[in-house]
Amino acid sequence: MSSPTSLECTDEPHLCRQRGCGVQIDQARILAAEQEFQSLPQPEQEVSENSTATLNIIFHVIYTNETTEGGYLSDKAIYDQVDVLNEDYINTGLSFNLANVTRANNPDWFNNIAPGTKEEQTMKEMYRQGGPADLNVYTVGVREEGAKPLLGYSTFPMEYAARPLNDGVVLLHSTLPGGSSAPFNKGRTLTHEVGHWMGLYHTFQGGCEGPGDEVDDTPAEAEAAYGCPVQRDTCFSPGEDPIFNFMNYVDDECMNMFTIGQIARIRAQMRAYRRLAI
């Protein structure tokens, strides 16, 4: 599928939307985080590359009324989302178990939560459950402004120790499978944000010149890819852009892979920061 044409945009405006992720991290912060990561002690016992682990996932559904448009999610919608995660992470050795669902009717939170807001802090302090390897997902409503609606954002593993109650993913409720945010309604926004929660950066981090995403087998990429381009090569370094990678910005239907290097990084970050023997 190619990127939408002007005619498609006129006929179906939702096809012109571009993915927006609230995870933004500058190179200085990455450098400091990577230096710390490299200095951490290695596990005393070697971990098999075939080891597996199951993570508990807790959904916190924030809604403004008991309708789909108002953010109220059915158990089926949540189970469908967990199924997508298990499908997308199957090669990592990690799987997800739905441990709990909480629901809160709170129009203030639903409409106003964004990165760093007091509403976000209050919600997380009240609802977060579990330890460093328990994935808390908060579904809310996010106002669309311009062509890049904010679909979600996440914390990184190295942030857990300093702010454990802040840990987790905030997600636009309509990005779950079957939601209204086409072409971002097949559940891949959570796949993308969980990648951050497990220690991955965007594939286009740092552009062509910077150290990139700290993964050797994702070619450098000048900027995010949108829509569903067939081929693209924006940097002089070897390899075409990783446009189908879960950590890019393409439409849900075109995200389909993590690289071997990304999988190795996920496992290393989960061992170092989320206390998993994997």
Protein backbone atom coordinates (compact mmCIF):
# COMPACT_ATOMS: atom_id res chain seq x y z
CA MET A 1 0.00 0.00 0.00
CA SER A 2 1.41 3.39 -0.94
CA SER A 3 1.10 6.63 0.99
CA PRO A 4 -2.37 8.26 0.67
CA THR A 5 -2.95 10.49 -2.33
CA SER A 6 -4.71 13.85 -2.26
CA LEU A 7 -7.84 12.22 -3.65
CA GLU A 8 -7.83 9.65 -0.85
CA CYS A 9 -7.38 12.45 1.67
CA THR A 10 -10.40 14.25 0.26
CA ASP A 11 -12.54 11.13 0.26
CA GLU A 12 -11.37 9.72 3.59
CA PRO A 13 -9.67 12.33 5.80
CA HIS A 14 -8.65 9.74 8.40
CA LEU A 15 -6.22 8.26 5.86
CA CYS A 16 -4.15 11.46 6.03
CA ARG A 17 -3.52 11.27 9.75
CA GLN A 18 0.07 10.79 10.86
CA ARG A 19 1.22 8.91 13.91
CA GLY A 20 2.28 10.96 16.91
CA CYS A 21 4.19 9.45 19.83
CA GLY A 22 4.79 11.47 22.98
CA VAL A 23 8.16 9.82 23.68
CA GLN A 24 10.84 12.40 22.93
CA ILE A 25 14.38 11.99 24.25
CA ASP A 26 17.41 14.07 23.33
CA GLN A 27 20.85 12.72 22.51
CA ALA A 28 22.46 13.98 25.74
CA ARG A 29 19.96 12.02 27.81
CA ILE A 30 20.46 8.94 25.64
CA LEU A 31 24.24 9.20 26.06
CA ALA A 32 23.93 9.35 29.84
CA ALA A 33 21.43 6.46 29.89
CA GLU A 34 23.61 4.28 27.66
CA GLN A 35 26.72 4.94 29.75
CA GLU A 36 24.82 3.88 32.85
CA PHE A 37 23.43 0.82 31.07
CA GLN A 38 26.90 -0.30 29.97
CA SER A 39 28.26 0.12 33.49
CA LEU A 40 25.66 -2.09 35.17
CA PRO A 41 26.88 -5.44 36.51
CA GLN A 42 26.14 -8.45 34.36
CA PRO A 43 24.08 -11.40 35.69
CA GLU A 44 26.16 -13.88 37.68
CA GLN A 45 24.63 -16.77 35.76
CA GLU A 46 24.44 -16.81 31.99
CA VAL A 47 20.86 -16.57 30.74
CA SER A 48 19.82 -18.88 27.93
CA GLU A 49 18.83 -17.11 24.71
CA ASN A 50 15.84 -19.47 24.65
CA SER A 51 14.54 -18.41 28.06
CA THR A 52 11.04 -16.97 28.25
CA ALA A 53 9.03 -14.85 30.66
CA THR A 54 5.40 -13.84 31.05
CA LEU A 55 4.58 -10.28 32.05
CA ASN A 56 1.45 -9.25 33.88
CA ILE A 57 -0.38 -6.41 32.17
CA ILE A 58 -2.89 -4.22 33.99
CA PHE A 59 -5.30 -2.01 32.07
CA HIS A 60 -6.68 1.13 33.66
CA VAL A 61 -9.63 2.34 31.59
CA ILE A 62 -10.38 6.02 32.09
CA TYR A 63 -13.66 7.07 30.53
CA THR A 64 -16.04 10.00 30.39
CA ASN A 65 -19.21 8.00 29.77
CA GLU A 66 -20.10 4.35 29.18
CA THR A 67 -19.86 4.51 25.38
CA THR A 68 -17.07 3.50 23.02
CA GLU A 69 -16.62 7.15 22.03
CA GLY A 70 -16.45 8.10 25.69
CA GLY A 71 -13.55 5.71 26.27
CA TYR A 72 -15.35 2.78 27.85
CA LEU A 73 -13.56 -0.38 26.72
CA SER A 74 -15.08 -3.84 26.83
CA ASP A 75 -13.18 -6.82 28.19
CA LYS A 76 -13.14 -8.23 24.65
CA ALA A 77 -11.40 -5.13 23.27
CA ILE A 78 -8.74 -5.44 25.96
CA TYR A 79 -8.23 -9.17 25.36
CA ASP A 80 -7.95 -8.48 21.62
CA GLN A 81 -5.21 -5.93 22.37
CA VAL A 82 -3.32 -8.41 24.54
CA ASP A 83 -3.54 -10.92 21.69
CA VAL A 84 -1.91 -8.38 19.36
CA LEU A 85 0.92 -7.84 21.85
CA ASN A 86 1.51 -11.57 22.15
CA GLU A 87 1.58 -11.91 18.38
CA ASP A 88 3.97 -8.99 17.88
CA TYR A 89 6.38 -9.98 20.68
CA ILE A 90 6.38 -13.71 19.95
CA ASN A 91 10.03 -13.71 18.82
CA THR A 92 11.30 -11.89 21.92
CA GLY A 93 10.61 -14.67 24.41
CA LEU A 94 8.19 -12.39 26.24
CA SER A 95 4.46 -12.89 26.52
CA PHE A 96 1.68 -11.00 28.25
CA ASN A 97 -0.99 -12.09 30.70
CA LEU A 98 -3.96 -9.83 31.46
CA ALA A 99 -3.80 -9.68 35.25
CA ASN A 100 -6.38 -7.00 36.06
CA VAL A 101 -8.64 -4.29 34.62
CA THR A 102 -9.69 -1.18 36.53
CA ARG A 103 -12.18 1.40 35.29
CA ALA A 104 -12.66 4.99 36.40
CA ASN A 105 -15.26 7.49 35.24
CA ASN A 106 -13.21 10.69 35.28
CA PRO A 107 -13.85 13.21 32.47
CA ASP A 108 -11.08 15.49 33.77
CA TRP A 109 -8.43 12.78 33.40
CA PHE A 110 -9.93 11.50 30.17
CA ASN A 111 -9.73 14.88 28.45
CA ASN A 112 -6.62 16.43 29.98
CA ILE A 113 -3.97 13.77 30.53
CA ALA A 114 -0.80 14.42 28.54
CA PRO A 115 2.93 13.93 29.25
CA GLY A 116 3.90 15.59 32.52
CA THR A 117 0.48 16.86 33.58
CA LYS A 118 -0.71 16.86 37.17
CA GLU A 119 -3.68 14.74 36.05
CA GLU A 120 -1.31 12.06 34.80
CA GLN A 121 0.66 12.08 38.04
CA THR A 122 -2.47 11.82 40.19
CA MET A 123 -3.91 9.00 38.10
CA LYS A 124 -0.73 6.93 38.20
CA GLU A 125 -0.15 7.47 41.91
CA MET A 126 -3.68 6.25 42.56
CA TYR A 127 -3.84 3.28 40.21
CA ARG A 128 -0.41 1.85 39.37
CA GLN A 129 -0.02 -1.78 40.46
CA GLY A 130 2.84 -4.22 40.79
CA GLY A 131 6.60 -4.05 40.43
CA PRO A 132 9.12 -3.13 37.71
CA ALA A 133 8.11 -5.96 35.35
CA ASP A 134 4.36 -5.31 35.60
CA LEU A 135 3.05 -3.35 32.62
CA ASN A 136 0.44 -0.73 33.54
CA VAL A 137 -1.52 0.67 30.58
CA TYR A 138 -3.77 3.71 31.02
CA THR A 139 -6.32 4.35 28.26
CA VAL A 140 -7.56 7.93 27.95
CA GLY A 141 -8.87 10.38 25.37
CA VAL A 142 -6.48 12.70 23.55
CA ARG A 143 -7.57 15.75 21.60
CA GLU A 144 -6.44 15.68 17.98
CA GLU A 145 -4.56 18.79 16.97
CA GLY A 146 -3.30 19.01 13.40
CA ALA A 147 -2.12 16.05 11.34
CA LYS A 148 -0.21 14.27 14.12
CA PRO A 149 -2.55 13.19 16.90
CA LEU A 150 -0.85 12.01 20.05
CA LEU A 151 -1.59 8.30 20.15
CA GLY A 152 0.40 7.34 23.21
CA TYR A 153 3.59 7.63 25.22
CA SER A 154 5.65 5.56 27.63
CA THR A 155 8.33 5.63 30.27
CA PHE A 156 11.70 3.92 29.77
CA PRO A 157 13.09 1.09 31.94
CA MET A 158 15.97 3.21 33.28
CA GLU A 159 13.44 5.65 34.76
CA TYR A 160 11.75 3.10 37.01
CA ALA A 161 14.09 3.26 40.00
CA ALA A 162 13.74 7.03 40.42
CA ARG A 163 9.99 7.23 39.79
CA PRO A 164 8.32 3.81 40.10
CA LEU A 165 4.79 5.19 40.33
CA ASN A 166 5.24 7.01 37.03
CA ASP A 167 6.06 3.80 35.18
CA GLY A 168 3.79 2.63 32.37
CA VAL A 169 2.11 3.45 29.06
CA VAL A 170 -0.59 6.04 28.39
CA LEU A 171 -2.65 5.12 25.34
CA LEU A 172 -5.39 6.71 23.25
CA HIS A 173 -8.36 4.41 23.84
CA SER A 174 -9.45 4.32 20.19
CA THR A 175 -6.16 2.75 19.03
CA LEU A 176 -7.13 -0.67 20.34
CA PRO A 177 -8.13 -3.26 17.70
CA GLY A 178 -11.39 -2.18 16.07
CA GLY A 179 -11.23 1.33 17.51
CA SER A 180 -12.13 4.50 15.63
CA SER A 181 -8.62 5.88 15.06
CA ALA A 182 -7.98 4.33 11.64
CA PRO A 183 -5.37 3.74 10.29
CA PHE A 184 -4.06 3.34 13.85
CA ASN A 185 -6.70 0.95 15.15
CA LYS A 186 -5.11 -2.49 14.91
CA GLY A 187 -3.40 -2.37 18.31
CA ARG A 188 0.10 -1.51 17.06
CA THR A 189 0.30 1.77 18.99
CA LEU A 190 0.58 -0.24 22.19
CA THR A 191 3.15 -2.51 20.53
CA HIS A 192 5.19 0.61 19.71
CA GLU A 193 4.87 2.13 23.18
CA VAL A 194 5.70 -1.14 24.92
CA GLY A 195 8.87 -1.15 22.82
CA HIS A 196 9.85 2.09 24.58
CA TRP A 197 8.82 0.59 27.94
CA MET A 198 11.26 -2.23 27.18
CA GLY A 199 14.11 0.12 26.28
CA LEU A 200 13.86 0.72 22.53
CA TYR A 201 14.20 4.12 20.89
CA HIS A 202 12.62 5.22 17.61
CA THR A 203 14.34 3.83 14.52
CA PHE A 204 14.90 7.41 13.33
CA GLN A 205 16.45 8.56 16.62
CA GLY A 206 19.36 10.90 15.88
CA GLY A 207 18.75 10.97 12.12
CA CYS A 208 21.59 10.12 9.76
CA GLU A 209 24.41 11.57 11.85
CA GLY A 210 23.71 10.55 15.43
CA PRO A 211 24.34 7.27 17.23
CA GLY A 212 20.79 6.32 16.31
CA ASP A 213 18.70 3.86 18.28
CA GLU A 214 21.67 1.98 19.80
CA VAL A 215 20.85 -1.10 17.68
CA ASP A 216 23.30 -2.17 14.99
CA ASP A 217 20.89 -3.87 12.59
CA THR A 218 18.39 -1.02 12.17
CA PRO A 219 19.80 1.18 9.35
CA ALA A 220 20.04 4.91 10.02
CA GLU A 221 16.96 6.89 9.03
CA ALA A 222 16.77 10.66 8.55
CA GLU A 223 13.21 11.02 9.81
CA ALA A 224 10.11 9.07 10.64
CA ALA A 225 8.23 7.18 7.93
CA TYR A 226 4.49 7.79 7.65
CA GLY A 227 1.69 6.02 5.84
CA CYS A 228 2.88 2.82 4.20
CA PRO A 229 5.78 3.57 1.82
CA VAL A 230 7.15 0.72 -0.28
CA GLN A 231 10.86 1.66 -0.31
CA ARG A 232 12.83 4.49 1.23
CA ASP A 233 16.51 5.21 1.83
CA THR A 234 17.13 8.59 3.49
CA CYS A 235 20.74 8.14 4.70
CA PHE A 236 24.04 7.40 2.95
CA SER A 237 24.84 4.58 5.36
CA PRO A 238 24.17 1.00 4.17
CA GLY A 239 20.65 -0.37 4.19
CA GLU A 240 17.18 0.92 3.33
CA ASP A 241 15.12 2.62 6.02
CA PRO A 242 13.47 0.21 8.50
CA ILE A 243 10.05 1.45 7.51
CA PHE A 244 8.12 -1.65 8.64
CA ASN A 245 9.67 -1.68 12.09
CA PHE A 246 7.38 -1.44 15.12
CA MET A 247 9.46 1.51 16.33
CA ASN A 248 8.80 3.64 13.24
CA TYR A 249 5.70 5.79 12.61
CA VAL A 250 3.99 3.92 9.75
CA ASP A 251 0.35 2.89 9.80
CA ASP A 252 -0.63 -0.09 11.94
CA GLU A 253 -1.13 -2.46 9.02
CA CYS A 254 2.46 -1.86 7.85
CA MET A 255 4.23 -2.45 11.18
CA ASN A 256 5.41 -6.03 11.33
CA MET A 257 8.86 -6.56 12.83
CA PHE A 258 11.56 -6.17 15.44
CA THR A 259 15.13 -6.89 14.37
CA ILE A 260 17.40 -9.44 16.03
CA GLY A 261 19.34 -6.55 17.54
CA GLN A 262 16.21 -4.96 18.96
CA ILE A 263 15.20 -8.27 20.51
CA ALA A 264 18.62 -8.61 22.12
CA ARG A 265 18.35 -5.08 23.49
CA ILE A 266 14.85 -5.72 24.86
CA ARG A 267 16.06 -8.78 26.73
CA ALA A 268 19.14 -6.99 28.08
CA GLN A 269 17.13 -3.97 29.25
CA MET A 270 14.51 -6.18 30.89
CA ARG A 271 17.26 -8.04 32.77
CA ALA A 272 19.00 -4.85 33.86
CA TYR A 273 16.06 -2.69 34.87
CA ARG A 274 12.98 -4.88 35.23
CA ARG A 275 14.62 -7.78 37.10
CA LEU A 276 13.69 -10.46 34.61
CA ALA A 277 15.88 -13.55 34.14
CA ILE A 278 15.54 -13.61 30.38
